[in-house]
N, C-alpha and C. Protein backbone atom coordinates (compact mmCIF):
# COMPACT_ATOMS: atom_id res chain seq x y z
N MET A 1 23.50 -9.35 0.30
CA MET A 1 22.87 -8.18 -0.31
C MET A 1 23.93 -7.17 -0.73
N ASN A 2 23.72 -6.55 -1.86
CA ASN A 2 24.63 -5.50 -2.30
C ASN A 2 24.30 -4.19 -1.62
N THR A 3 25.31 -3.44 -1.27
CA THR A 3 25.09 -2.10 -0.74
C THR A 3 25.49 -1.10 -1.80
N VAL A 4 25.07 0.15 -1.57
CA VAL A 4 25.38 1.19 -2.55
C VAL A 4 26.88 1.35 -2.73
N GLY A 5 27.63 1.18 -1.66
CA GLY A 5 29.06 1.38 -1.73
C GLY A 5 29.76 0.42 -2.68
N ILE A 6 29.20 -0.76 -2.93
CA ILE A 6 29.87 -1.73 -3.77
C ILE A 6 29.07 -2.10 -5.01
N ASN A 7 27.95 -1.40 -5.22
CA ASN A 7 27.06 -1.81 -6.31
C ASN A 7 27.32 -1.05 -7.60
N THR A 8 28.39 -1.38 -8.30
CA THR A 8 28.63 -0.82 -9.61
C THR A 8 28.84 -1.97 -10.58
N ARG A 9 28.47 -1.76 -11.85
CA ARG A 9 28.61 -2.80 -12.86
C ARG A 9 29.30 -2.23 -14.08
N LYS A 10 29.98 -3.07 -14.83
CA LYS A 10 30.60 -2.63 -16.07
C LYS A 10 29.53 -2.14 -17.04
N GLY A 11 29.79 -1.00 -17.65
CA GLY A 11 28.85 -0.48 -18.63
C GLY A 11 27.75 0.37 -18.04
N ILE A 12 27.69 0.46 -16.71
CA ILE A 12 26.66 1.26 -16.05
C ILE A 12 27.31 2.45 -15.38
N SER A 13 26.75 3.63 -15.63
CA SER A 13 27.28 4.83 -15.00
C SER A 13 27.09 4.76 -13.49
N SER A 14 28.09 5.15 -12.74
CA SER A 14 27.99 5.15 -11.28
C SER A 14 27.91 6.58 -10.75
N GLY A 15 27.42 7.51 -11.57
CA GLY A 15 27.38 8.91 -11.19
C GLY A 15 26.50 9.19 -9.99
N VAL A 16 25.23 8.82 -10.07
CA VAL A 16 24.29 9.08 -8.98
C VAL A 16 24.15 7.81 -8.15
N LYS A 17 24.41 7.94 -6.86
CA LYS A 17 24.30 6.79 -5.95
C LYS A 17 22.97 6.84 -5.21
N ILE A 18 22.17 5.84 -5.44
CA ILE A 18 20.84 5.80 -4.84
C ILE A 18 20.73 4.63 -3.87
N ALA A 19 20.24 4.91 -2.67
CA ALA A 19 19.97 3.87 -1.69
C ALA A 19 18.51 3.47 -1.77
N ILE A 20 18.26 2.19 -1.97
CA ILE A 20 16.90 1.66 -1.92
C ILE A 20 16.80 0.90 -0.60
N ILE A 21 16.03 1.43 0.32
CA ILE A 21 15.97 0.87 1.67
C ILE A 21 15.15 -0.42 1.68
N ASP A 22 15.76 -1.45 2.21
CA ASP A 22 15.11 -2.76 2.33
C ASP A 22 14.82 -3.04 3.79
N TYR A 23 13.55 -2.97 4.16
CA TYR A 23 13.15 -3.33 5.52
C TYR A 23 12.16 -4.50 5.48
N GLY A 24 12.24 -5.24 4.36
CA GLY A 24 11.44 -6.46 4.24
C GLY A 24 10.02 -6.25 3.78
N MET A 25 9.69 -5.03 3.27
CA MET A 25 8.31 -4.74 2.92
C MET A 25 8.21 -3.91 1.64
N GLY A 26 9.00 -4.25 0.64
CA GLY A 26 8.95 -3.47 -0.59
C GLY A 26 9.38 -4.27 -1.80
N ASN A 27 9.01 -3.77 -2.98
CA ASN A 27 9.39 -4.41 -4.23
C ASN A 27 10.77 -3.87 -4.64
N ILE A 28 11.80 -4.38 -3.98
CA ILE A 28 13.14 -3.84 -4.12
C ILE A 28 13.73 -4.11 -5.51
N ALA A 29 13.60 -5.32 -5.98
CA ALA A 29 14.28 -5.73 -7.21
C ALA A 29 13.85 -4.91 -8.42
N SER A 30 12.55 -4.70 -8.59
CA SER A 30 12.05 -3.98 -9.76
C SER A 30 12.45 -2.51 -9.74
N VAL A 31 12.40 -1.89 -8.57
CA VAL A 31 12.78 -0.48 -8.45
C VAL A 31 14.28 -0.33 -8.72
N ARG A 32 15.07 -1.23 -8.18
CA ARG A 32 16.52 -1.18 -8.38
C ARG A 32 16.87 -1.37 -9.86
N LYS A 33 16.21 -2.29 -10.51
CA LYS A 33 16.45 -2.55 -11.92
C LYS A 33 16.15 -1.31 -12.76
N ALA A 34 15.06 -0.62 -12.42
CA ALA A 34 14.69 0.60 -13.16
C ALA A 34 15.72 1.70 -12.96
N CYS A 35 16.23 1.85 -11.74
CA CYS A 35 17.24 2.88 -11.47
C CYS A 35 18.52 2.60 -12.24
N ILE A 36 18.94 1.35 -12.26
CA ILE A 36 20.16 0.97 -12.99
C ILE A 36 19.97 1.23 -14.48
N HIS A 37 18.76 0.98 -14.97
CA HIS A 37 18.46 1.21 -16.39
C HIS A 37 18.73 2.66 -16.78
N PHE A 38 18.50 3.60 -15.85
CA PHE A 38 18.71 5.02 -16.13
C PHE A 38 20.10 5.51 -15.72
N GLY A 39 21.00 4.58 -15.48
CA GLY A 39 22.39 4.95 -15.27
C GLY A 39 22.80 5.24 -13.85
N ALA A 40 21.93 4.97 -12.89
CA ALA A 40 22.29 5.21 -11.49
C ALA A 40 22.99 4.00 -10.90
N SER A 41 23.81 4.26 -9.89
CA SER A 41 24.38 3.18 -9.10
C SER A 41 23.41 2.95 -7.94
N ALA A 42 22.54 1.97 -8.10
CA ALA A 42 21.47 1.74 -7.13
C ALA A 42 21.74 0.48 -6.34
N GLY A 43 21.72 0.60 -5.03
CA GLY A 43 22.00 -0.55 -4.17
C GLY A 43 21.01 -0.66 -3.04
N VAL A 44 20.96 -1.86 -2.48
CA VAL A 44 20.06 -2.16 -1.38
C VAL A 44 20.75 -1.80 -0.06
N VAL A 45 20.02 -1.09 0.79
CA VAL A 45 20.56 -0.64 2.07
C VAL A 45 19.74 -1.23 3.21
N THR A 46 20.43 -1.77 4.20
CA THR A 46 19.75 -2.34 5.38
C THR A 46 20.31 -1.78 6.69
N ARG A 47 21.37 -0.96 6.61
CA ARG A 47 22.00 -0.42 7.82
C ARG A 47 22.12 1.10 7.73
N PRO A 48 21.95 1.79 8.85
CA PRO A 48 21.99 3.26 8.85
C PRO A 48 23.26 3.85 8.26
N LYS A 49 24.42 3.27 8.57
CA LYS A 49 25.68 3.86 8.12
C LYS A 49 25.81 3.84 6.60
N GLU A 50 25.08 2.97 5.92
CA GLU A 50 25.15 2.89 4.46
C GLU A 50 24.52 4.11 3.79
N LEU A 51 23.66 4.82 4.51
CA LEU A 51 23.03 6.02 3.95
C LEU A 51 24.00 7.19 3.88
N GLY A 52 25.13 7.06 4.51
CA GLY A 52 26.13 8.13 4.46
C GLY A 52 26.93 8.15 3.17
N ARG A 53 26.72 7.14 2.32
CA ARG A 53 27.52 7.04 1.11
C ARG A 53 26.68 7.21 -0.16
N VAL A 54 25.52 7.86 -0.03
CA VAL A 54 24.62 7.96 -1.18
C VAL A 54 24.22 9.41 -1.45
N ASP A 55 23.60 9.61 -2.61
CA ASP A 55 23.13 10.94 -3.00
C ASP A 55 21.63 11.09 -2.82
N LYS A 56 20.89 9.97 -2.94
CA LYS A 56 19.43 10.01 -2.87
C LYS A 56 18.91 8.74 -2.22
N ILE A 57 17.68 8.82 -1.71
CA ILE A 57 17.08 7.67 -1.03
C ILE A 57 15.72 7.36 -1.63
N ILE A 58 15.46 6.07 -1.83
CA ILE A 58 14.13 5.62 -2.21
C ILE A 58 13.64 4.64 -1.15
N LEU A 59 12.43 4.88 -0.66
CA LEU A 59 11.81 4.00 0.34
C LEU A 59 10.55 3.39 -0.26
N PRO A 60 10.65 2.15 -0.79
CA PRO A 60 9.45 1.49 -1.29
C PRO A 60 8.65 0.92 -0.12
N GLY A 61 7.51 0.32 -0.41
CA GLY A 61 6.79 -0.31 0.68
C GLY A 61 5.47 -0.92 0.27
N VAL A 62 5.22 -2.13 0.78
CA VAL A 62 3.94 -2.80 0.62
C VAL A 62 3.66 -3.51 1.95
N GLY A 63 2.51 -3.23 2.54
CA GLY A 63 2.20 -3.88 3.81
C GLY A 63 1.59 -2.92 4.80
N ALA A 64 1.69 -3.26 6.08
CA ALA A 64 1.03 -2.50 7.14
C ALA A 64 1.93 -1.40 7.70
N PHE A 65 1.33 -0.27 7.99
CA PHE A 65 2.03 0.91 8.51
C PHE A 65 2.77 0.58 9.80
N GLY A 66 2.09 -0.05 10.75
CA GLY A 66 2.70 -0.34 12.05
C GLY A 66 3.88 -1.28 11.95
N ASP A 67 3.73 -2.34 11.17
CA ASP A 67 4.82 -3.29 10.98
C ASP A 67 6.04 -2.62 10.37
N ALA A 68 5.79 -1.75 9.39
CA ALA A 68 6.89 -1.05 8.72
C ALA A 68 7.64 -0.14 9.67
N MET A 69 6.91 0.63 10.47
CA MET A 69 7.57 1.55 11.41
C MET A 69 8.36 0.79 12.46
N ARG A 70 7.80 -0.29 12.94
CA ARG A 70 8.53 -1.09 13.94
C ARG A 70 9.82 -1.65 13.35
N GLN A 71 9.76 -2.07 12.09
CA GLN A 71 10.95 -2.64 11.46
C GLN A 71 12.00 -1.57 11.20
N LEU A 72 11.57 -0.39 10.72
CA LEU A 72 12.53 0.70 10.50
C LEU A 72 13.20 1.12 11.80
N THR A 73 12.43 1.16 12.87
CA THR A 73 12.97 1.53 14.18
C THR A 73 13.93 0.47 14.70
N LYS A 74 13.55 -0.79 14.55
CA LYS A 74 14.41 -1.89 14.98
C LYS A 74 15.75 -1.87 14.27
N MET A 75 15.73 -1.51 12.99
CA MET A 75 16.95 -1.47 12.19
C MET A 75 17.74 -0.19 12.37
N GLY A 76 17.17 0.77 13.10
CA GLY A 76 17.84 2.04 13.33
C GLY A 76 17.80 2.97 12.13
N LEU A 77 16.90 2.69 11.19
CA LEU A 77 16.84 3.48 9.96
C LEU A 77 15.93 4.70 10.08
N ASP A 78 15.02 4.68 11.05
CA ASP A 78 14.06 5.79 11.18
C ASP A 78 14.75 7.12 11.42
N SER A 79 15.62 7.19 12.42
CA SER A 79 16.30 8.45 12.74
C SER A 79 17.29 8.86 11.65
N GLU A 80 17.89 7.87 10.99
CA GLU A 80 18.84 8.17 9.92
C GLU A 80 18.13 8.76 8.70
N ILE A 81 16.95 8.24 8.40
CA ILE A 81 16.15 8.80 7.30
C ILE A 81 15.78 10.25 7.59
N GLU A 82 15.33 10.50 8.82
CA GLU A 82 14.97 11.86 9.21
C GLU A 82 16.16 12.80 9.09
N GLU A 83 17.32 12.33 9.52
CA GLU A 83 18.53 13.16 9.47
C GLU A 83 18.92 13.51 8.04
N LYS A 84 18.86 12.53 7.15
CA LYS A 84 19.24 12.76 5.76
C LYS A 84 18.26 13.70 5.06
N ILE A 85 16.98 13.52 5.33
CA ILE A 85 15.98 14.41 4.74
C ILE A 85 16.17 15.83 5.24
N SER A 86 16.41 15.99 6.54
CA SER A 86 16.63 17.32 7.13
C SER A 86 17.86 18.00 6.54
N ALA A 87 18.84 17.19 6.13
CA ALA A 87 20.06 17.72 5.53
C ALA A 87 19.88 18.07 4.06
N GLY A 88 18.70 17.77 3.50
CA GLY A 88 18.41 18.15 2.12
C GLY A 88 18.57 17.05 1.09
N MET A 89 18.81 15.83 1.52
CA MET A 89 18.98 14.74 0.56
C MET A 89 17.64 14.42 -0.12
N PRO A 90 17.61 14.33 -1.45
CA PRO A 90 16.37 13.98 -2.16
C PRO A 90 15.85 12.61 -1.72
N PHE A 91 14.56 12.56 -1.46
CA PHE A 91 13.93 11.34 -0.92
C PHE A 91 12.65 11.06 -1.70
N LEU A 92 12.47 9.79 -2.07
CA LEU A 92 11.25 9.37 -2.76
C LEU A 92 10.62 8.21 -2.00
N GLY A 93 9.39 8.43 -1.51
CA GLY A 93 8.64 7.38 -0.85
C GLY A 93 7.60 6.81 -1.81
N ILE A 94 7.54 5.49 -1.90
CA ILE A 94 6.62 4.83 -2.82
C ILE A 94 5.57 4.06 -2.03
N CYS A 95 4.30 4.37 -2.26
CA CYS A 95 3.16 3.69 -1.62
C CYS A 95 3.31 3.76 -0.09
N LEU A 96 3.49 2.64 0.57
CA LEU A 96 3.68 2.66 2.03
C LEU A 96 4.86 3.54 2.42
N GLY A 97 5.87 3.59 1.57
CA GLY A 97 7.02 4.45 1.84
C GLY A 97 6.65 5.92 1.93
N MET A 98 5.62 6.34 1.21
CA MET A 98 5.10 7.71 1.33
C MET A 98 4.29 7.85 2.61
N HIS A 99 3.48 6.85 2.94
CA HIS A 99 2.65 6.91 4.15
C HIS A 99 3.51 7.13 5.40
N LEU A 100 4.66 6.48 5.44
CA LEU A 100 5.51 6.53 6.62
C LEU A 100 6.07 7.92 6.91
N LEU A 101 6.04 8.80 5.92
CA LEU A 101 6.50 10.18 6.12
C LEU A 101 5.59 10.96 7.05
N PHE A 102 4.36 10.51 7.21
CA PHE A 102 3.37 11.26 7.97
C PHE A 102 3.32 10.84 9.44
N GLU A 103 2.45 11.50 10.20
CA GLU A 103 2.47 11.35 11.65
C GLU A 103 1.82 10.07 12.16
N LYS A 104 0.74 9.64 11.53
CA LYS A 104 0.02 8.46 12.02
C LYS A 104 -0.88 7.91 10.93
N SER A 105 -1.43 6.71 11.18
CA SER A 105 -2.29 6.05 10.20
C SER A 105 -3.46 5.37 10.88
N GLU A 106 -4.61 5.42 10.24
CA GLU A 106 -5.77 4.70 10.75
C GLU A 106 -5.55 3.19 10.72
N GLU A 107 -4.59 2.76 9.93
CA GLU A 107 -4.31 1.33 9.82
C GLU A 107 -3.68 0.77 11.08
N SER A 108 -2.89 1.59 11.77
CA SER A 108 -2.15 1.13 12.96
C SER A 108 -2.25 2.20 14.04
N LYS A 109 -3.37 2.22 14.73
CA LYS A 109 -3.60 3.25 15.74
C LYS A 109 -2.62 3.12 16.88
N GLY A 110 -2.10 4.27 17.31
CA GLY A 110 -1.13 4.28 18.40
C GLY A 110 0.31 4.20 17.94
N VAL A 111 0.53 3.94 16.65
CA VAL A 111 1.88 3.86 16.11
C VAL A 111 2.23 5.20 15.46
N LYS A 112 3.34 5.78 15.86
CA LYS A 112 3.79 7.04 15.29
C LYS A 112 4.58 6.79 14.02
N GLY A 113 4.29 7.60 12.97
CA GLY A 113 5.08 7.56 11.76
C GLY A 113 6.34 8.39 11.92
N LEU A 114 7.06 8.60 10.85
CA LEU A 114 8.27 9.42 10.91
C LEU A 114 7.94 10.87 11.28
N GLY A 115 6.74 11.33 10.90
CA GLY A 115 6.31 12.67 11.28
C GLY A 115 7.06 13.78 10.59
N ILE A 116 7.69 13.48 9.47
CA ILE A 116 8.42 14.49 8.71
C ILE A 116 7.44 15.44 8.03
N LEU A 117 6.29 14.93 7.66
CA LEU A 117 5.21 15.74 7.09
C LEU A 117 3.99 15.68 8.01
N LYS A 118 3.32 16.80 8.15
CA LYS A 118 2.14 16.87 9.01
C LYS A 118 0.94 16.26 8.29
N GLY A 119 0.21 15.41 9.00
CA GLY A 119 -0.97 14.81 8.41
C GLY A 119 -1.08 13.35 8.82
N ARG A 120 -2.08 12.68 8.26
CA ARG A 120 -2.31 11.29 8.64
C ARG A 120 -2.66 10.46 7.41
N VAL A 121 -2.75 9.17 7.62
CA VAL A 121 -3.10 8.23 6.56
C VAL A 121 -4.48 7.66 6.89
N VAL A 122 -5.40 7.75 5.94
CA VAL A 122 -6.78 7.36 6.19
C VAL A 122 -7.22 6.27 5.21
N LYS A 123 -8.27 5.54 5.60
CA LYS A 123 -8.75 4.44 4.77
C LYS A 123 -9.85 4.91 3.84
N PHE A 124 -9.89 4.34 2.65
CA PHE A 124 -10.99 4.60 1.73
C PHE A 124 -12.30 4.17 2.39
N LYS A 125 -13.30 5.00 2.25
CA LYS A 125 -14.61 4.70 2.82
C LYS A 125 -15.70 4.96 1.78
N GLY A 126 -16.79 4.23 1.89
CA GLY A 126 -17.90 4.46 0.98
C GLY A 126 -18.34 3.17 0.31
N MET A 127 -19.61 2.96 0.24
CA MET A 127 -20.17 1.73 -0.34
C MET A 127 -20.00 1.67 -1.85
N GLU A 128 -19.75 2.83 -2.48
CA GLU A 128 -19.72 2.88 -3.94
C GLU A 128 -18.37 2.47 -4.53
N ILE A 129 -17.37 2.26 -3.70
CA ILE A 129 -16.05 1.89 -4.21
C ILE A 129 -15.57 0.58 -3.58
N LYS A 130 -14.73 -0.11 -4.33
CA LYS A 130 -14.13 -1.33 -3.83
C LYS A 130 -12.80 -1.01 -3.16
N VAL A 131 -12.55 -1.66 -2.07
CA VAL A 131 -11.29 -1.49 -1.35
C VAL A 131 -10.62 -2.87 -1.23
N PRO A 132 -9.37 -2.99 -1.66
CA PRO A 132 -8.43 -1.93 -2.03
C PRO A 132 -8.71 -1.32 -3.41
N HIS A 133 -8.18 -0.13 -3.58
CA HIS A 133 -8.16 0.53 -4.89
C HIS A 133 -7.05 -0.15 -5.68
N MET A 134 -7.41 -0.92 -6.66
CA MET A 134 -6.43 -1.72 -7.39
C MET A 134 -6.62 -1.60 -8.89
N GLY A 135 -5.53 -1.33 -9.60
CA GLY A 135 -5.57 -1.25 -11.05
C GLY A 135 -5.16 0.12 -11.56
N TRP A 136 -5.48 0.39 -12.82
CA TRP A 136 -5.06 1.61 -13.49
C TRP A 136 -6.02 2.76 -13.20
N ASN A 137 -5.44 3.93 -12.93
CA ASN A 137 -6.23 5.15 -12.72
C ASN A 137 -5.37 6.34 -13.12
N GLN A 138 -6.01 7.50 -13.26
CA GLN A 138 -5.31 8.68 -13.76
C GLN A 138 -4.81 9.58 -12.64
N ILE A 139 -3.76 10.34 -12.95
CA ILE A 139 -3.27 11.37 -12.04
C ILE A 139 -3.51 12.74 -12.69
N LYS A 140 -4.03 13.65 -11.90
CA LYS A 140 -4.29 15.02 -12.34
C LYS A 140 -3.22 15.92 -11.73
N ILE A 141 -2.35 16.47 -12.57
CA ILE A 141 -1.25 17.30 -12.10
C ILE A 141 -1.74 18.69 -11.74
N LYS A 142 -1.33 19.18 -10.57
CA LYS A 142 -1.86 20.45 -10.05
C LYS A 142 -1.08 21.68 -10.48
N TYR A 143 0.20 21.53 -10.80
CA TYR A 143 1.05 22.69 -11.01
C TYR A 143 1.60 22.76 -12.43
N GLN A 144 2.11 23.91 -12.77
CA GLN A 144 2.77 24.08 -14.05
C GLN A 144 4.09 23.30 -14.06
N LYS A 145 4.54 22.92 -15.24
CA LYS A 145 5.72 22.08 -15.36
C LYS A 145 6.98 22.71 -14.75
N SER A 146 7.03 24.03 -14.70
CA SER A 146 8.22 24.71 -14.19
C SER A 146 8.26 24.74 -12.66
N ASN A 147 7.14 24.40 -12.02
CA ASN A 147 7.07 24.46 -10.57
C ASN A 147 7.91 23.35 -9.94
N ILE A 148 8.60 23.67 -8.84
CA ILE A 148 9.45 22.69 -8.17
C ILE A 148 8.66 21.47 -7.72
N LYS A 149 7.36 21.66 -7.47
CA LYS A 149 6.54 20.54 -7.03
C LYS A 149 6.33 19.51 -8.13
N ASN A 150 6.68 19.87 -9.34
CA ASN A 150 6.55 18.94 -10.45
C ASN A 150 7.92 18.38 -10.88
N ALA A 151 8.89 18.44 -10.00
CA ALA A 151 10.24 17.99 -10.36
C ALA A 151 10.28 16.53 -10.79
N VAL A 152 9.40 15.70 -10.25
CA VAL A 152 9.37 14.29 -10.66
C VAL A 152 8.25 14.02 -11.65
N LEU A 153 7.63 15.09 -12.14
CA LEU A 153 6.53 14.94 -13.10
C LEU A 153 6.79 15.70 -14.40
N LYS A 154 8.04 16.08 -14.61
CA LYS A 154 8.37 16.92 -15.77
C LYS A 154 8.00 16.26 -17.09
N GLY A 155 8.25 14.98 -17.20
CA GLY A 155 7.98 14.30 -18.47
C GLY A 155 6.68 13.54 -18.49
N VAL A 156 5.82 13.84 -17.52
CA VAL A 156 4.55 13.10 -17.39
C VAL A 156 3.39 13.96 -17.88
N LYS A 157 2.56 13.39 -18.72
CA LYS A 157 1.39 14.10 -19.23
C LYS A 157 0.27 14.11 -18.19
N ASP A 158 -0.46 15.22 -18.13
CA ASP A 158 -1.61 15.30 -17.26
C ASP A 158 -2.61 14.21 -17.62
N ASN A 159 -3.25 13.64 -16.62
CA ASN A 159 -4.24 12.57 -16.78
C ASN A 159 -3.63 11.24 -17.26
N SER A 160 -2.32 11.08 -17.06
CA SER A 160 -1.69 9.81 -17.38
C SER A 160 -2.20 8.71 -16.45
N TYR A 161 -2.20 7.49 -16.96
CA TYR A 161 -2.62 6.34 -16.16
C TYR A 161 -1.41 5.70 -15.47
N VAL A 162 -1.61 5.34 -14.20
CA VAL A 162 -0.59 4.64 -13.42
C VAL A 162 -1.28 3.52 -12.64
N TYR A 163 -0.46 2.64 -12.05
CA TYR A 163 -1.02 1.45 -11.42
C TYR A 163 -1.03 1.57 -9.88
N PHE A 164 -2.22 1.40 -9.31
CA PHE A 164 -2.42 1.51 -7.87
C PHE A 164 -2.74 0.16 -7.23
N CYS A 165 -2.39 0.05 -5.96
CA CYS A 165 -2.81 -1.09 -5.14
C CYS A 165 -2.71 -0.67 -3.68
N HIS A 166 -3.81 -0.13 -3.13
CA HIS A 166 -3.78 0.38 -1.75
C HIS A 166 -5.18 0.54 -1.19
N SER A 167 -5.25 0.49 0.13
CA SER A 167 -6.51 0.68 0.85
C SER A 167 -6.51 1.98 1.64
N TYR A 168 -5.34 2.60 1.76
CA TYR A 168 -5.19 3.83 2.53
C TYR A 168 -4.51 4.90 1.67
N TYR A 169 -4.74 6.16 2.03
CA TYR A 169 -4.12 7.27 1.30
C TYR A 169 -3.76 8.38 2.28
N VAL A 170 -2.86 9.26 1.87
CA VAL A 170 -2.40 10.32 2.77
C VAL A 170 -3.33 11.53 2.72
N ALA A 171 -3.49 12.15 3.88
CA ALA A 171 -4.29 13.37 4.01
C ALA A 171 -3.40 14.44 4.66
N PRO A 172 -2.60 15.16 3.86
CA PRO A 172 -1.67 16.15 4.42
C PRO A 172 -2.41 17.34 5.02
N VAL A 173 -1.85 17.90 6.08
CA VAL A 173 -2.40 19.13 6.66
C VAL A 173 -2.19 20.28 5.68
N ASP A 174 -1.01 20.36 5.10
CA ASP A 174 -0.68 21.39 4.12
C ASP A 174 -1.06 20.90 2.72
N LYS A 175 -2.14 21.40 2.19
CA LYS A 175 -2.61 20.96 0.87
C LYS A 175 -1.69 21.42 -0.26
N ASN A 176 -0.81 22.37 0.05
CA ASN A 176 0.11 22.87 -0.98
C ASN A 176 1.19 21.86 -1.36
N ILE A 177 1.35 20.81 -0.57
CA ILE A 177 2.36 19.80 -0.91
C ILE A 177 1.80 18.75 -1.87
N VAL A 178 0.51 18.84 -2.18
CA VAL A 178 -0.11 17.88 -3.10
C VAL A 178 0.20 18.31 -4.53
N ALA A 179 0.97 17.50 -5.25
CA ALA A 179 1.37 17.82 -6.61
C ALA A 179 0.46 17.19 -7.66
N ALA A 180 -0.22 16.12 -7.28
CA ALA A 180 -1.17 15.47 -8.20
C ALA A 180 -2.23 14.74 -7.39
N THR A 181 -3.41 14.64 -7.96
CA THR A 181 -4.51 13.94 -7.30
C THR A 181 -5.07 12.85 -8.21
N THR A 182 -5.81 11.96 -7.60
CA THR A 182 -6.50 10.90 -8.33
C THR A 182 -7.92 10.79 -7.78
N ASP A 183 -8.86 10.47 -8.64
CA ASP A 183 -10.25 10.37 -8.23
C ASP A 183 -10.64 8.91 -8.03
N TYR A 184 -11.02 8.58 -6.79
CA TYR A 184 -11.53 7.24 -6.49
C TYR A 184 -12.49 7.38 -5.32
N GLY A 185 -13.77 7.59 -5.64
CA GLY A 185 -14.75 7.90 -4.61
C GLY A 185 -14.51 9.27 -4.01
N GLY A 186 -13.84 10.13 -4.75
CA GLY A 186 -13.40 11.44 -4.30
C GLY A 186 -11.92 11.60 -4.58
N LYS A 187 -11.43 12.83 -4.54
CA LYS A 187 -10.02 13.07 -4.85
C LYS A 187 -9.13 12.76 -3.65
N PHE A 188 -7.98 12.16 -3.94
CA PHE A 188 -6.97 11.95 -2.91
C PHE A 188 -5.60 12.30 -3.49
N ALA A 189 -4.65 12.56 -2.62
CA ALA A 189 -3.29 12.93 -3.03
C ALA A 189 -2.56 11.70 -3.54
N SER A 190 -2.19 11.71 -4.82
CA SER A 190 -1.45 10.58 -5.38
C SER A 190 0.03 10.90 -5.60
N VAL A 191 0.39 12.20 -5.58
CA VAL A 191 1.80 12.62 -5.60
C VAL A 191 1.94 13.79 -4.63
N ILE A 192 2.93 13.73 -3.77
CA ILE A 192 3.20 14.86 -2.88
C ILE A 192 4.64 15.31 -3.10
N ALA A 193 4.88 16.60 -2.85
CA ALA A 193 6.22 17.16 -3.03
C ALA A 193 6.42 18.35 -2.11
N LYS A 194 7.52 18.33 -1.39
CA LYS A 194 7.88 19.47 -0.54
C LYS A 194 9.40 19.53 -0.45
N ASP A 195 9.96 20.57 -1.03
CA ASP A 195 11.41 20.75 -1.04
C ASP A 195 12.09 19.51 -1.64
N ASN A 196 12.84 18.78 -0.85
CA ASN A 196 13.57 17.60 -1.34
C ASN A 196 12.80 16.29 -1.12
N ILE A 197 11.55 16.40 -0.69
CA ILE A 197 10.75 15.22 -0.35
C ILE A 197 9.69 14.98 -1.41
N PHE A 198 9.63 13.75 -1.92
CA PHE A 198 8.63 13.37 -2.91
C PHE A 198 7.99 12.05 -2.51
N GLY A 199 6.71 11.93 -2.81
CA GLY A 199 6.02 10.69 -2.51
C GLY A 199 5.00 10.38 -3.59
N ILE A 200 4.90 9.11 -3.95
CA ILE A 200 3.92 8.68 -4.94
C ILE A 200 3.14 7.50 -4.40
N GLN A 201 1.81 7.54 -4.55
CA GLN A 201 0.96 6.49 -4.02
C GLN A 201 0.97 5.23 -4.88
N PHE A 202 1.17 5.39 -6.16
CA PHE A 202 1.13 4.27 -7.09
C PHE A 202 2.51 3.61 -7.19
N HIS A 203 2.57 2.52 -7.94
CA HIS A 203 3.81 1.77 -8.09
C HIS A 203 4.45 2.11 -9.44
N PRO A 204 5.55 2.85 -9.44
CA PRO A 204 6.16 3.26 -10.72
C PRO A 204 6.69 2.07 -11.52
N GLU A 205 7.18 1.06 -10.82
CA GLU A 205 7.74 -0.10 -11.51
C GLU A 205 6.68 -0.92 -12.24
N LYS A 206 5.38 -0.67 -11.90
CA LYS A 206 4.27 -1.37 -12.56
C LYS A 206 3.50 -0.44 -13.51
N SER A 207 3.93 0.82 -13.58
CA SER A 207 3.18 1.83 -14.32
C SER A 207 3.76 2.13 -15.69
N GLN A 208 4.51 1.19 -16.21
CA GLN A 208 5.05 1.27 -17.57
C GLN A 208 5.79 2.58 -17.81
N ARG A 209 5.58 3.19 -18.97
CA ARG A 209 6.38 4.35 -19.37
C ARG A 209 6.25 5.52 -18.39
N THR A 210 5.05 5.78 -17.90
CA THR A 210 4.85 6.90 -16.98
C THR A 210 5.62 6.69 -15.68
N GLY A 211 5.53 5.50 -15.13
CA GLY A 211 6.24 5.21 -13.89
C GLY A 211 7.74 5.29 -14.05
N LEU A 212 8.24 4.77 -15.15
CA LEU A 212 9.68 4.82 -15.40
C LEU A 212 10.16 6.26 -15.58
N LYS A 213 9.32 7.10 -16.20
CA LYS A 213 9.69 8.49 -16.39
C LYS A 213 9.82 9.22 -15.05
N ILE A 214 8.95 8.89 -14.12
CA ILE A 214 9.01 9.50 -12.78
C ILE A 214 10.30 9.11 -12.08
N LEU A 215 10.67 7.84 -12.17
CA LEU A 215 11.94 7.41 -11.57
C LEU A 215 13.12 8.09 -12.26
N GLU A 216 13.05 8.22 -13.56
CA GLU A 216 14.12 8.91 -14.29
C GLU A 216 14.25 10.36 -13.84
N ASP A 217 13.12 11.06 -13.70
CA ASP A 217 13.15 12.46 -13.26
C ASP A 217 13.75 12.58 -11.85
N PHE A 218 13.43 11.62 -10.97
CA PHE A 218 13.99 11.65 -9.63
C PHE A 218 15.50 11.44 -9.66
N ILE A 219 15.95 10.51 -10.47
CA ILE A 219 17.37 10.23 -10.59
C ILE A 219 18.12 11.47 -11.12
N LYS A 220 17.51 12.22 -12.03
CA LYS A 220 18.16 13.37 -12.64
C LYS A 220 18.06 14.65 -11.81
N LEU A 221 17.35 14.61 -10.69
CA LEU A 221 17.22 15.79 -9.84
C LEU A 221 18.59 16.27 -9.40
N CYS A 222 18.81 17.58 -9.48
CA CYS A 222 20.08 18.15 -8.97
C CYS A 222 20.05 18.14 -7.46
């Protein structure tokens, strides 16, 4: 596996170094390819010490909350992620990667999340909707474009369509961190933002131009 420290290619700018954390539960290749497309030096990280050589972190994820937390803990990445976020490093959690930022999940009772954000992860409920929520749906942006909470939504139009695949969603205690919502049997947080922390429920690598624009905005963050 390539690490950020050695992942540069001819013709690709190595200005911004991005760590894409691989804990065996994410679509690593597509996210990495998109980052490289926008000129970042993007590499796969599997060890805590590798996070010391990067500018930003992306945590993708597909799978179960409990399995993911156990794997991050086993690899020693949980405490390192918390440390880097506390130090102000820009962080983007994708799907399960966003869920892990919170305290707990209905999917894996008794398992503690990273707890960096207050709140929990809950399952879609209701006879009128199909679970999982899968396919294209819209995001409703809550803030003006100049607001810091829209730092990864600067080039995204309100009500843009993105691609979802999930059975659970985040329910933050602080509603002010919700930057965009989506309606599926009721509104849920589809983008969250707080200081240097960003999370998106949908898959940017599958969301065509809108998803790629979000990754580009994250890469360009100062």
